[in-house]
Amino acid sequence: LCLVKSWYWINMDSLDDWEVALQETRPLAAIEKALIYDRMAQIKMTETEDEDTEEAIDEQKVVREAESYWRRSIATHPLREVYVRWHAAARRANADPRAMLADWRKTFPDDEAPLLELTLLCRERQSHRKALALFAELERVARGHPEVEALRHYLWLDGAADRLARRREETAEQDLAAIGSAAPEFARVARATLRSGPGGLAEWRGLFHD
Protein backbone atom coordinates (compact mmCIF):
# COMPACT_ATOMS: atom_id res chain seq x y z
CA LEU A 1 0.00 0.00 0.00
CA CYS A 2 3.05 2.26 0.05
CA LEU A 3 2.42 3.61 -3.46
CA VAL A 4 -1.17 4.61 -2.69
CA LYS A 5 -0.16 6.29 0.58
CA SER A 6 2.79 8.14 -0.94
CA TRP A 7 0.73 9.60 -3.79
CA TYR A 8 -1.88 10.77 -1.31
CA TRP A 9 0.69 12.29 1.03
CA ILE A 10 2.43 14.31 -1.70
CA ASN A 11 -0.94 15.77 -2.79
CA MET A 12 -1.11 13.86 -6.05
CA ASP A 13 -4.77 13.39 -5.33
CA SER A 14 -6.84 14.12 -8.42
CA LEU A 15 -8.62 11.83 -10.85
CA ASP A 16 -5.84 12.40 -13.40
CA ASP A 17 -3.15 11.63 -10.82
CA TRP A 18 -4.77 8.35 -9.87
CA GLU A 19 -5.24 7.39 -13.51
CA VAL A 20 -1.47 7.79 -13.86
CA ALA A 21 -0.93 5.67 -10.75
CA LEU A 22 -3.01 2.89 -12.25
CA GLN A 23 -0.70 2.88 -15.28
CA GLU A 24 2.50 2.58 -13.23
CA THR A 25 4.95 0.03 -14.56
CA ARG A 26 5.09 -1.74 -11.20
CA PRO A 27 2.13 -4.13 -11.01
CA LEU A 28 -0.32 -3.02 -8.33
CA ALA A 29 -1.79 -5.40 -5.80
CA ALA A 30 -5.55 -5.90 -6.03
CA ILE A 31 -6.15 -4.07 -2.75
CA GLU A 32 -4.08 -1.11 -3.99
CA LYS A 33 -6.21 -0.84 -7.12
CA ALA A 34 -9.38 -1.17 -5.03
CA LEU A 35 -8.28 1.66 -2.75
CA ILE A 36 -7.40 3.87 -5.73
CA TYR A 37 -10.80 3.32 -7.35
CA ASP A 38 -12.47 4.05 -4.02
CA ARG A 39 -10.48 7.27 -3.69
CA MET A 40 -11.47 8.27 -7.24
CA ALA A 41 -15.12 7.75 -6.34
CA GLN A 42 -14.71 9.94 -3.26
CA ILE A 43 -13.07 12.67 -5.35
CA LYS A 44 -15.96 12.48 -7.80
CA MET A 45 -18.42 12.90 -4.95
CA THR A 46 -16.76 16.16 -3.89
CA GLU A 47 -18.26 17.74 -7.02
CA THR A 48 -21.54 17.89 -5.12
CA GLU A 49 -19.82 20.04 -2.50
CA ASP A 50 -18.33 22.69 -4.84
CA GLU A 51 -19.78 25.94 -3.56
CA ASP A 52 -17.97 28.09 -6.16
CA THR A 53 -19.80 26.76 -9.19
CA GLU A 54 -22.69 28.79 -10.52
CA GLU A 55 -24.33 25.84 -12.19
CA ALA A 56 -26.74 23.50 -10.46
CA ILE A 57 -25.14 20.13 -9.79
CA ASP A 58 -27.01 16.99 -10.83
CA GLU A 59 -26.28 14.97 -7.70
CA GLN A 60 -27.71 11.74 -9.06
CA LYS A 61 -25.47 12.01 -12.14
CA VAL A 62 -22.43 12.55 -9.92
CA VAL A 63 -23.37 9.50 -7.84
CA ARG A 64 -23.75 7.39 -11.00
CA GLU A 65 -20.27 8.42 -12.11
CA ALA A 66 -18.84 7.71 -8.64
CA GLU A 67 -20.58 4.33 -8.69
CA SER A 68 -18.60 3.34 -11.78
CA TYR A 69 -15.42 3.65 -9.70
CA TRP A 70 -16.93 1.87 -6.70
CA ARG A 71 -17.99 -1.02 -8.95
CA ARG A 72 -14.42 -1.35 -10.20
CA SER A 73 -13.14 -1.20 -6.64
CA ILE A 74 -15.47 -4.00 -5.51
CA ALA A 75 -14.72 -6.10 -8.59
CA THR A 76 -10.99 -5.77 -7.91
CA HIS A 77 -10.99 -6.42 -4.15
CA PRO A 78 -14.22 -6.18 -2.09
CA LEU A 79 -13.91 -3.91 0.95
CA ARG A 80 -16.74 -3.33 3.41
CA GLU A 81 -15.95 0.38 3.83
CA VAL A 82 -16.45 0.86 0.08
CA TYR A 83 -19.99 -0.48 0.35
CA VAL A 84 -20.60 1.81 3.35
CA ARG A 85 -19.51 4.92 1.42
CA TRP A 86 -21.40 3.84 -1.70
CA HIS A 87 -24.59 3.32 0.28
CA ALA A 88 -24.29 6.70 2.02
CA ALA A 89 -23.84 8.43 -1.35
CA ALA A 90 -26.84 6.63 -2.85
CA ARG A 91 -29.04 7.63 0.08
CA ARG A 92 -27.92 11.25 -0.13
CA ALA A 93 -28.87 11.37 -3.81
CA ASN A 94 -32.13 9.44 -3.29
CA ALA A 95 -30.84 6.75 -5.66
CA ASP A 96 -32.15 3.19 -5.53
CA PRO A 97 -29.63 1.19 -3.45
CA ARG A 98 -31.22 -2.25 -3.74
CA ALA A 99 -28.83 -3.75 -6.31
CA MET A 100 -25.80 -2.51 -4.38
CA LEU A 101 -27.22 -3.78 -1.08
CA ALA A 102 -27.91 -7.19 -2.61
CA ASP A 103 -24.31 -7.37 -3.82
CA TRP A 104 -23.05 -6.23 -0.39
CA ARG A 105 -25.13 -8.97 1.24
CA LYS A 106 -23.76 -11.60 -1.16
CA THR A 107 -20.15 -10.50 -0.63
CA PHE A 108 -20.40 -10.20 3.17
CA PRO A 109 -23.20 -12.62 4.19
CA ASP A 110 -22.60 -12.13 7.92
CA ASP A 111 -22.82 -8.34 7.77
CA GLU A 112 -26.06 -7.12 9.31
CA ALA A 113 -26.04 -3.67 7.63
CA PRO A 114 -27.21 -4.66 4.12
CA LEU A 115 -29.75 -7.13 5.51
CA LEU A 116 -31.23 -4.49 7.79
CA GLU A 117 -31.42 -1.91 5.00
CA LEU A 118 -33.02 -4.37 2.56
CA THR A 119 -35.59 -5.41 5.19
CA LEU A 120 -36.47 -1.78 5.85
CA LEU A 121 -36.82 -1.09 2.12
CA CYS A 122 -39.18 -4.06 1.73
CA ARG A 123 -41.21 -2.78 4.66
CA GLU A 124 -41.44 0.69 3.10
CA ARG A 125 -42.77 -0.92 -0.08
CA GLN A 126 -45.15 -3.06 2.00
CA SER A 127 -43.58 -6.25 0.64
CA HIS A 128 -44.41 -8.12 3.82
CA ARG A 129 -43.30 -11.62 2.79
CA LYS A 130 -39.95 -10.45 1.45
CA ALA A 131 -39.38 -8.43 4.60
CA LEU A 132 -40.04 -11.49 6.76
CA ALA A 133 -37.70 -13.66 4.69
CA LEU A 134 -34.91 -11.11 4.99
CA PHE A 135 -35.60 -10.67 8.69
CA ALA A 136 -35.14 -14.40 9.27
CA GLU A 137 -31.65 -14.08 7.80
CA LEU A 138 -31.05 -10.88 9.78
CA GLU A 139 -31.86 -12.70 13.00
CA ARG A 140 -29.19 -15.27 12.19
CA VAL A 141 -26.44 -12.66 12.19
CA ALA A 142 -27.73 -9.98 14.58
CA ARG A 143 -30.35 -11.39 16.91
CA GLY A 144 -30.62 -9.30 20.06
CA HIS A 145 -29.34 -6.09 18.50
CA PRO A 146 -31.67 -3.17 19.41
CA GLU A 147 -32.49 -2.26 15.79
CA VAL A 148 -33.34 -5.87 15.00
CA GLU A 149 -35.54 -6.34 18.06
CA ALA A 150 -37.44 -3.11 17.35
CA LEU A 151 -37.94 -4.16 13.73
CA ARG A 152 -39.33 -7.51 14.87
CA HIS A 153 -42.28 -5.76 16.53
CA TYR A 154 -42.91 -3.58 13.50
CA LEU A 155 -43.06 -6.68 11.29
CA TRP A 156 -45.54 -8.37 13.63
CA LEU A 157 -47.67 -5.22 13.53
CA ASP A 158 -47.37 -5.01 9.74
CA GLY A 159 -48.48 -8.64 9.48
CA ALA A 160 -51.47 -8.04 11.73
CA ALA A 161 -52.46 -4.93 9.77
CA ASP A 162 -52.18 -6.84 6.48
CA ARG A 163 -54.41 -9.64 7.78
CA LEU A 164 -56.94 -7.22 9.27
CA ALA A 165 -57.19 -5.47 5.91
CA ARG A 166 -58.05 -8.87 4.40
CA ARG A 167 -60.54 -9.58 7.21
CA ARG A 168 -58.48 -12.38 8.70
CA GLU A 169 -59.00 -11.35 12.30
CA GLU A 170 -58.00 -14.63 13.92
CA THR A 171 -54.59 -14.86 12.27
CA ALA A 172 -54.07 -11.13 12.84
CA GLU A 173 -54.63 -11.71 16.54
CA GLN A 174 -51.85 -14.30 16.54
CA ASP A 175 -49.40 -11.64 15.39
CA LEU A 176 -50.70 -9.19 17.98
CA ALA A 177 -50.51 -11.80 20.74
CA ALA A 178 -46.84 -12.38 19.90
CA ILE A 179 -46.19 -8.84 21.16
CA GLY A 180 -45.90 -9.60 24.87
CA SER A 181 -46.10 -7.33 27.88
CA ALA A 182 -42.33 -6.80 27.80
CA ALA A 183 -42.51 -5.21 24.34
CA PRO A 184 -41.54 -1.52 23.92
CA GLU A 185 -44.27 0.98 24.63
CA PHE A 186 -44.68 1.93 20.96
CA ALA A 187 -45.48 -1.71 20.11
CA ARG A 188 -48.04 -1.99 22.91
CA VAL A 189 -49.71 1.25 21.83
CA ALA A 190 -49.80 0.13 18.20
CA ARG A 191 -51.22 -3.25 19.22
CA ALA A 192 -54.03 -1.56 21.14
CA THR A 193 -54.63 0.73 18.15
CA LEU A 194 -54.99 -2.21 15.76
CA ARG A 195 -57.25 -4.07 18.16
CA SER A 196 -59.63 -1.11 18.29
CA GLY A 197 -61.22 -2.01 14.94
CA PRO A 198 -61.26 -0.66 11.37
CA GLY A 199 -60.51 2.84 12.55
CA GLY A 200 -57.46 1.54 14.33
CA LEU A 201 -56.13 0.03 11.11
CA ALA A 202 -56.37 3.43 9.39
CA GLU A 203 -54.70 5.08 12.36
CA TRP A 204 -51.86 2.55 12.31
CA ARG A 205 -51.20 3.23 8.65
CA GLY A 206 -51.28 6.97 9.20
CA LEU A 207 -49.24 7.21 12.38
CA PHE A 208 -47.07 4.14 12.84
CA HIS A 209 -46.06 3.04 9.34
CA ASP A 210 -43.18 4.93 7.73
C-alpha atoms as a PDB file:
ATOM      1  CA  LEU A   1       0.000   0.000   0.000  1.00  0.00           C
ATOM      2  CA  CYS A   2       3.048   2.264   0.054  1.00  0.00           C
ATOM      3  CA  LEU A   3       2.417   3.610  -3.458  1.00  0.00           C
ATOM      4  CA  VAL A   4      -1.166   4.612  -2.691  1.00  0.00           C
ATOM      5  CA  LYS A   5      -0.163   6.287   0.577  1.00  0.00           C
ATOM      6  CA  SER A   6       2.788   8.136  -0.937  1.00  0.00           C
ATOM      7  CA  TRP A   7       0.734   9.600  -3.787  1.00  0.00           C
ATOM      8  CA  TYR A   8      -1.884  10.767  -1.312  1.00  0.00           C
ATOM      9  CA  TRP A   9       0.691  12.292   1.034  1.00  0.00           C
ATOM     10  CA  ILE A  10       2.430  14.312  -1.697  1.00  0.00           C
ATOM     11  CA  ASN A  11      -0.940  15.766  -2.786  1.00  0.00           C
ATOM     12  CA  MET A  12      -1.107  13.859  -6.046  1.00  0.00           C
ATOM     13  CA  ASP A  13      -4.771  13.391  -5.325  1.00  0.00           C
ATOM     14  CA  SER A  14      -6.836  14.116  -8.417  1.00  0.00           C
ATOM     15  CA  LEU A  15      -8.624  11.834 -10.849  1.00  0.00           C
ATOM     16  CA  ASP A  16      -5.839  12.399 -13.399  1.00  0.00           C
ATOM     17  CA  ASP A  17      -3.149  11.631 -10.816  1.00  0.00           C
ATOM     18  CA  TRP A  18      -4.775   8.348  -9.866  1.00  0.00           C
ATOM     19  CA  GLU A  19      -5.235   7.392 -13.506  1.00  0.00           C
ATOM     20  CA  VAL A  20      -1.472   7.790 -13.864  1.00  0.00           C
ATOM     21  CA  ALA A  21      -0.926   5.675 -10.746  1.00  0.00           C
ATOM     22  CA  LEU A  22      -3.014   2.891 -12.250  1.00  0.00           C
ATOM     23  CA  GLN A  23      -0.697   2.882 -15.280  1.00  0.00           C
ATOM     24  CA  GLU A  24       2.501   2.582 -13.227  1.00  0.00           C
ATOM     25  CA  THR A  25       4.948   0.031 -14.558  1.00  0.00           C
ATOM     26  CA  ARG A  26       5.089  -1.739 -11.203  1.00  0.00           C
ATOM     27  CA  PRO A  27       2.129  -4.130 -11.013  1.00  0.00           C
ATOM     28  CA  LEU A  28      -0.315  -3.019  -8.331  1.00  0.00           C
ATOM     29  CA  ALA A  29      -1.788  -5.395  -5.796  1.00  0.00           C
ATOM     30  CA  ALA A  30      -5.548  -5.901  -6.025  1.00  0.00           C
ATOM     31  CA  ILE A  31      -6.152  -4.068  -2.753  1.00  0.00           C
ATOM     32  CA  GLU A  32      -4.077  -1.113  -3.992  1.00  0.00           C
ATOM     33  CA  LYS A  33      -6.209  -0.835  -7.118  1.00  0.00           C
ATOM     34  CA  ALA A  34      -9.378  -1.170  -5.031  1.00  0.00           C
ATOM     35  CA  LEU A  35      -8.276   1.657  -2.752  1.00  0.00           C
ATOM     36  CA  ILE A  36      -7.401   3.866  -5.728  1.00  0.00           C
ATOM     37  CA  TYR A  37     -10.804   3.324  -7.349  1.00  0.00           C
ATOM     38  CA  ASP A  38     -12.474   4.049  -4.017  1.00  0.00           C
ATOM     39  CA  ARG A  39     -10.484   7.271  -3.694  1.00  0.00           C
ATOM     40  CA  MET A  40     -11.474   8.270  -7.236  1.00  0.00           C
ATOM     41  CA  ALA A  41     -15.123   7.750  -6.336  1.00  0.00           C
ATOM     42  CA  GLN A  42     -14.712   9.936  -3.263  1.00  0.00           C
ATOM     43  CA  ILE A  43     -13.073  12.665  -5.354  1.00  0.00           C
ATOM     44  CA  LYS A  44     -15.964  12.477  -7.802  1.00  0.00           C
ATOM     45  CA  MET A  45     -18.420  12.898  -4.947  1.00  0.00           C
ATOM     46  CA  THR A  46     -16.763  16.160  -3.894  1.00  0.00           C
ATOM     47  CA  GLU A  47     -18.260  17.738  -7.023  1.00  0.00           C
ATOM     48  CA  THR A  48     -21.543  17.890  -5.120  1.00  0.00           C
ATOM     49  CA  GLU A  49     -19.819  20.044  -2.504  1.00  0.00           C
ATOM     50  CA  ASP A  50     -18.326  22.692  -4.841  1.00  0.00           C
ATOM     51  CA  GLU A  51     -19.778  25.944  -3.564  1.00  0.00           C
ATOM     52  CA  ASP A  52     -17.969  28.095  -6.158  1.00  0.00           C
ATOM     53  CA  THR A  53     -19.802  26.759  -9.187  1.00  0.00           C
ATOM     54  CA  GLU A  54     -22.694  28.793 -10.516  1.00  0.00           C
ATOM     55  CA  GLU A  55     -24.334  25.838 -12.192  1.00  0.00           C
ATOM     56  CA  ALA A  56     -26.735  23.495 -10.463  1.00  0.00           C
ATOM     57  CA  ILE A  57     -25.144  20.127  -9.794  1.00  0.00           C
ATOM     58  CA  ASP A  58     -27.010  16.985 -10.830  1.00  0.00           C
ATOM     59  CA  GLU A  59     -26.280  14.965  -7.698  1.00  0.00           C
ATOM     60  CA  GLN A  60     -27.708  11.741  -9.062  1.00  0.00           C
ATOM     61  CA  LYS A  61     -25.473  12.010 -12.145  1.00  0.00           C
ATOM     62  CA  VAL A  62     -22.431  12.555  -9.925  1.00  0.00           C
ATOM     63  CA  VAL A  63     -23.370   9.498  -7.844  1.00  0.00           C
ATOM     64  CA  ARG A  64     -23.747   7.390 -10.997  1.00  0.00           C
ATOM     65  CA  GLU A  65     -20.267   8.422 -12.107  1.00  0.00           C
ATOM     66  CA  ALA A  66     -18.841   7.707  -8.640  1.00  0.00           C
ATOM     67  CA  GLU A  67     -20.583   4.333  -8.692  1.00  0.00           C
ATOM     68  CA  SER A  68     -18.600   3.338 -11.776  1.00  0.00           C
ATOM     69  CA  TYR A  69     -15.416   3.650  -9.704  1.00  0.00           C
ATOM     70  CA  TRP A  70     -16.930   1.868  -6.705  1.00  0.00           C
ATOM     71  CA  ARG A  71     -17.989  -1.024  -8.951  1.00  0.00           C
ATOM     72  CA  ARG A  72     -14.419  -1.352 -10.202  1.00  0.00           C
ATOM     73  CA  SER A  73     -13.144  -1.202  -6.636  1.00  0.00           C
ATOM     74  CA  ILE A  74     -15.472  -4.003  -5.511  1.00  0.00           C
ATOM     75  CA  ALA A  75     -14.715  -6.100  -8.586  1.00  0.00           C
ATOM     76  CA  THR A  76     -10.991  -5.772  -7.907  1.00  0.00           C
ATOM     77  CA  HIS A  77     -10.989  -6.424  -4.148  1.00  0.00           C
ATOM     78  CA  PRO A  78     -14.215  -6.176  -2.094  1.00  0.00           C
ATOM     79  CA  LEU A  79     -13.912  -3.908   0.951  1.00  0.00           C
ATOM     80  CA  ARG A  80     -16.738  -3.332   3.407  1.00  0.00           C
ATOM     81  CA  GLU A  81     -15.950   0.376   3.833  1.00  0.00           C
ATOM     82  CA  VAL A  82     -16.451   0.860   0.081  1.00  0.00           C
ATOM     83  CA  TYR A  83     -19.995  -0.476   0.352  1.00  0.00           C
ATOM     84  CA  VAL A  84     -20.596   1.805   3.349  1.00  0.00           C
ATOM     85  CA  ARG A  85     -19.513   4.920   1.420  1.00  0.00           C
ATOM     86  CA  TRP A  86     -21.397   3.843  -1.696  1.00  0.00           C
ATOM     87  CA  HIS A  87     -24.592   3.316   0.285  1.00  0.00           C
ATOM     88  CA  ALA A  88     -24.294   6.700   2.017  1.00  0.00           C
ATOM     89  CA  ALA A  89     -23.843   8.430  -1.347  1.00  0.00           C
ATOM     90  CA  ALA A  90     -26.836   6.626  -2.850  1.00  0.00           C
ATOM     91  CA  ARG A  91     -29.045   7.628   0.078  1.00  0.00           C
ATOM     92  CA  ARG A  92     -27.923  11.252  -0.126  1.00  0.00           C
ATOM     93  CA  ALA A  93     -28.868  11.373  -3.813  1.00  0.00           C
ATOM     94  CA  ASN A  94     -32.132   9.438  -3.288  1.00  0.00           C
ATOM     95  CA  ALA A  95     -30.836   6.751  -5.659  1.00  0.00           C
ATOM     96  CA  ASP A  96     -32.148   3.189  -5.535  1.00  0.00           C
ATOM     97  CA  PRO A  97     -29.628   1.191  -3.453  1.00  0.00           C
ATOM     98  CA  ARG A  98     -31.217  -2.255  -3.743  1.00  0.00           C
ATOM     99  CA  ALA A  99     -28.830  -3.753  -6.308  1.00  0.00           C
ATOM    100  CA  MET A 100     -25.805  -2.512  -4.380  1.00  0.00           C
ATOM    101  CA  LEU A 101     -27.215  -3.778  -1.080  1.00  0.00           C
ATOM    102  CA  ALA A 102     -27.906  -7.193  -2.606  1.00  0.00           C
ATOM    103  CA  ASP A 103     -24.306  -7.369  -3.820  1.00  0.00           C
ATOM    104  CA  TRP A 104     -23.052  -6.230  -0.387  1.00  0.00           C
ATOM    105  CA  ARG A 105     -25.134  -8.968   1.236  1.00  0.00           C
ATOM    106  CA  LYS A 106     -23.761 -11.597  -1.161  1.00  0.00           C
ATOM    107  CA  THR A 107     -20.155 -10.504  -0.632  1.00  0.00           C
ATOM    108  CA  PHE A 108     -20.401 -10.196   3.170  1.00  0.00           C
ATOM    109  CA  PRO A 109     -23.195 -12.621   4.189  1.00  0.00           C
ATOM    110  CA  ASP A 110     -22.599 -12.134   7.924  1.00  0.00           C
ATOM    111  CA  ASP A 111     -22.823  -8.337   7.768  1.00  0.00           C
ATOM    112  CA  GLU A 112     -26.058  -7.119   9.311  1.00  0.00           C
ATOM    113  CA  ALA A 113     -26.037  -3.670   7.631  1.00  0.00           C
ATOM    114  CA  PRO A 114     -27.213  -4.662   4.116  1.00  0.00           C
ATOM    115  CA  LEU A 115     -29.750  -7.134   5.507  1.00  0.00           C
ATOM    116  CA  LEU A 116     -31.227  -4.487   7.788  1.00  0.00           C
ATOM    117  CA  GLU A 117     -31.423  -1.910   5.002  1.00  0.00           C
ATOM    118  CA  LEU A 118     -33.015  -4.372   2.561  1.00  0.00           C
ATOM    119  CA  THR A 119     -35.587  -5.406   5.189  1.00  0.00           C
ATOM    120  CA  LEU A 120     -36.474  -1.779   5.850  1.00  0.00           C
ATOM    121  CA  LEU A 121     -36.821  -1.088   2.116  1.00  0.00           C
ATOM    122  CA  CYS A 122     -39.183  -4.060   1.726  1.00  0.00           C
ATOM    123  CA  ARG A 123     -41.207  -2.784   4.657  1.00  0.00           C
ATOM    124  CA  GLU A 124     -41.438   0.687   3.103  1.00  0.00           C
ATOM    125  CA  ARG A 125     -42.765  -0.925  -0.081  1.00  0.00           C
ATOM    126  CA  GLN A 126     -45.147  -3.057   1.998  1.00  0.00           C
ATOM    127  CA  SER A 127     -43.578  -6.254   0.641  1.00  0.00           C
ATOM    128  CA  HIS A 128     -44.405  -8.122   3.825  1.00  0.00           C
ATOM    129  CA  ARG A 129     -43.301 -11.617   2.789  1.00  0.00           C
ATOM    130  CA  LYS A 130     -39.950 -10.446   1.445  1.00  0.00           C
ATOM    131  CA  ALA A 131     -39.377  -8.429   4.598  1.00  0.00           C
ATOM    132  CA  LEU A 132     -40.044 -11.487   6.757  1.00  0.00           C
ATOM    133  CA  ALA A 133     -37.702 -13.658   4.685  1.00  0.00           C
ATOM    134  CA  LEU A 134     -34.910 -11.111   4.992  1.00  0.00           C
ATOM    135  CA  PHE A 135     -35.596 -10.673   8.689  1.00  0.00           C
ATOM    136  CA  ALA A 136     -35.145 -14.400   9.266  1.00  0.00           C
ATOM    137  CA  GLU A 137     -31.646 -14.078   7.801  1.00  0.00           C
ATOM    138  CA  LEU A 138     -31.049 -10.884   9.783  1.00  0.00           C
ATOM    139  CA  GLU A 139     -31.858 -12.703  13.004  1.00  0.00           C
ATOM    140  CA  ARG A 140     -29.187 -15.266  12.190  1.00  0.00           C
ATOM    141  CA  VAL A 141     -26.437 -12.656  12.186  1.00  0.00           C
ATOM    142  CA  ALA A 142     -27.726  -9.977  14.575  1.00  0.00           C
ATOM    143  CA  ARG A 143     -30.354 -11.394  16.911  1.00  0.00           C
ATOM    144  CA  GLY A 144     -30.616  -9.301  20.062  1.00  0.00           C
ATOM    145  CA  HIS A 145     -29.345  -6.089  18.505  1.00  0.00           C
ATOM    146  CA  PRO A 146     -31.668  -3.167  19.410  1.00  0.00           C
ATOM    147  CA  GLU A 147     -32.494  -2.258  15.792  1.00  0.00           C
ATOM    148  CA  VAL A 148     -33.344  -5.867  14.997  1.00  0.00           C
ATOM    149  CA  GLU A 149     -35.544  -6.344  18.056  1.00  0.00           C
ATOM    150  CA  ALA A 150     -37.440  -3.111  17.345  1.00  0.00           C
ATOM    151  CA  LEU A 151     -37.943  -4.163  13.734  1.00  0.00           C
ATOM    152  CA  ARG A 152     -39.334  -7.514  14.874  1.00  0.00           C
ATOM    153  CA  HIS A 153     -42.283  -5.758  16.532  1.00  0.00           C
ATOM    154  CA  TYR A 154     -42.907  -3.583  13.501  1.00  0.00           C
ATOM    155  CA  LEU A 155     -43.061  -6.681  11.291  1.00  0.00           C
ATOM    156  CA  TRP A 156     -45.536  -8.367  13.632  1.00  0.00           C
ATOM    157  CA  LEU A 157     -47.665  -5.220  13.531  1.00  0.00           C
ATOM    158  CA  ASP A 158     -47.375  -5.011   9.738  1.00  0.00           C
ATOM    159  CA  GLY A 159     -48.480  -8.643   9.483  1.00  0.00           C
ATOM    160  CA  ALA A 160     -51.467  -8.038  11.728  1.00  0.00           C
ATOM    161  CA  ALA A 161     -52.457  -4.927   9.769  1.00  0.00           C
ATOM    162  CA  ASP A 162     -52.181  -6.835   6.484  1.00  0.00           C
ATOM    163  CA  ARG A 163     -54.411  -9.639   7.777  1.00  0.00           C
ATOM    164  CA  LEU A 164     -56.943  -7.225   9.275  1.00  0.00           C
ATOM    165  CA  ALA A 165     -57.187  -5.468   5.913  1.00  0.00           C
ATOM    166  CA  ARG A 166     -58.054  -8.866   4.397  1.00  0.00           C
ATOM    167  CA  ARG A 167     -60.541  -9.579   7.214  1.00  0.00           C
ATOM    168  CA  ARG A 168     -58.478 -12.377   8.698  1.00  0.00           C
ATOM    169  CA  GLU A 169     -59.004 -11.348  12.298  1.00  0.00           C
ATOM    170  CA  GLU A 170     -58.002 -14.629  13.919  1.00  0.00           C
ATOM    171  CA  THR A 171     -54.591 -14.862  12.272  1.00  0.00           C
ATOM    172  CA  ALA A 172     -54.073 -11.128  12.840  1.00  0.00           C
ATOM    173  CA  GLU A 173     -54.633 -11.710  16.542  1.00  0.00           C
ATOM    174  CA  GLN A 174     -51.849 -14.300  16.542  1.00  0.00           C
ATOM    175  CA  ASP A 175     -49.401 -11.636  15.391  1.00  0.00           C
ATOM    176  CA  LEU A 176     -50.704  -9.194  17.982  1.00  0.00           C
ATOM    177  CA  ALA A 177     -50.514 -11.801  20.743  1.00  0.00           C
ATOM    178  CA  ALA A 178     -46.842 -12.376  19.902  1.00  0.00           C
ATOM    179  CA  ILE A 179     -46.193  -8.844  21.164  1.00  0.00           C
ATOM    180  CA  GLY A 180     -45.901  -9.601  24.871  1.00  0.00           C
ATOM    181  CA  SER A 181     -46.098  -7.332  27.879  1.00  0.00           C
ATOM    182  CA  ALA A 182     -42.331  -6.798  27.802  1.00  0.00           C
ATOM    183  CA  ALA A 183     -42.510  -5.206  24.336  1.00  0.00           C
ATOM    184  CA  PRO A 184     -41.545  -1.522  23.922  1.00  0.00           C
ATOM    185  CA  GLU A 185     -44.272   0.984  24.632  1.00  0.00           C
ATOM    186  CA  PHE A 186     -44.682   1.927  20.961  1.00  0.00           C
ATOM    187  CA  ALA A 187     -45.483  -1.711  20.110  1.00  0.00           C
ATOM    188  CA  ARG A 188     -48.042  -1.993  22.913  1.00  0.00           C
ATOM    189  CA  VAL A 189     -49.714   1.254  21.827  1.00  0.00           C
ATOM    190  CA  ALA A 190     -49.795   0.130  18.202  1.00  0.00           C
ATOM    191  CA  ARG A 191     -51.221  -3.254  19.222  1.00  0.00           C
ATOM    192  CA  ALA A 192     -54.031  -1.558  21.137  1.00  0.00           C
ATOM    193  CA  THR A 193     -54.632   0.727  18.148  1.00  0.00           C
ATOM    194  CA  LEU A 194     -54.993  -2.206  15.757  1.00  0.00           C
ATOM    195  CA  ARG A 195     -57.255  -4.068  18.160  1.00  0.00           C
ATOM    196  CA  SER A 196     -59.627  -1.110  18.292  1.00  0.00           C
ATOM    197  CA  GLY A 197     -61.221  -2.009  14.943  1.00  0.00           C
ATOM    198  CA  PRO A 198     -61.262  -0.655  11.367  1.00  0.00           C
ATOM    199  CA  GLY A 199     -60.510   2.840  12.551  1.00  0.00           C
ATOM    200  CA  GLY A 200     -57.464   1.537  14.328  1.00  0.00           C
ATOM    201  CA  LEU A 201     -56.135   0.033  11.109  1.00  0.00           C
ATOM    202  CA  ALA A 202     -56.370   3.426   9.390  1.00  0.00           C
ATOM    203  CA  GLU A 203     -54.697   5.081  12.359  1.00  0.00           C
ATOM    204  CA  TRP A 204     -51.856   2.551  12.308  1.00  0.00           C
ATOM    205  CA  ARG A 205     -51.196   3.234   8.653  1.00  0.00           C
ATOM    206  CA  GLY A 206     -51.277   6.967   9.201  1.00  0.00           C
ATOM    207  CA  LEU A 207     -49.237   7.206  12.381  1.00  0.00           C
ATOM    208  CA  PHE A 208     -47.070   4.138  12.842  1.00  0.00           C
ATOM    209  CA  HIS A 209     -46.062   3.039   9.341  1.00  0.00           C
ATOM    210  CA  ASP A 210     -43.179   4.935   7.727  1.00  0.00           C
END
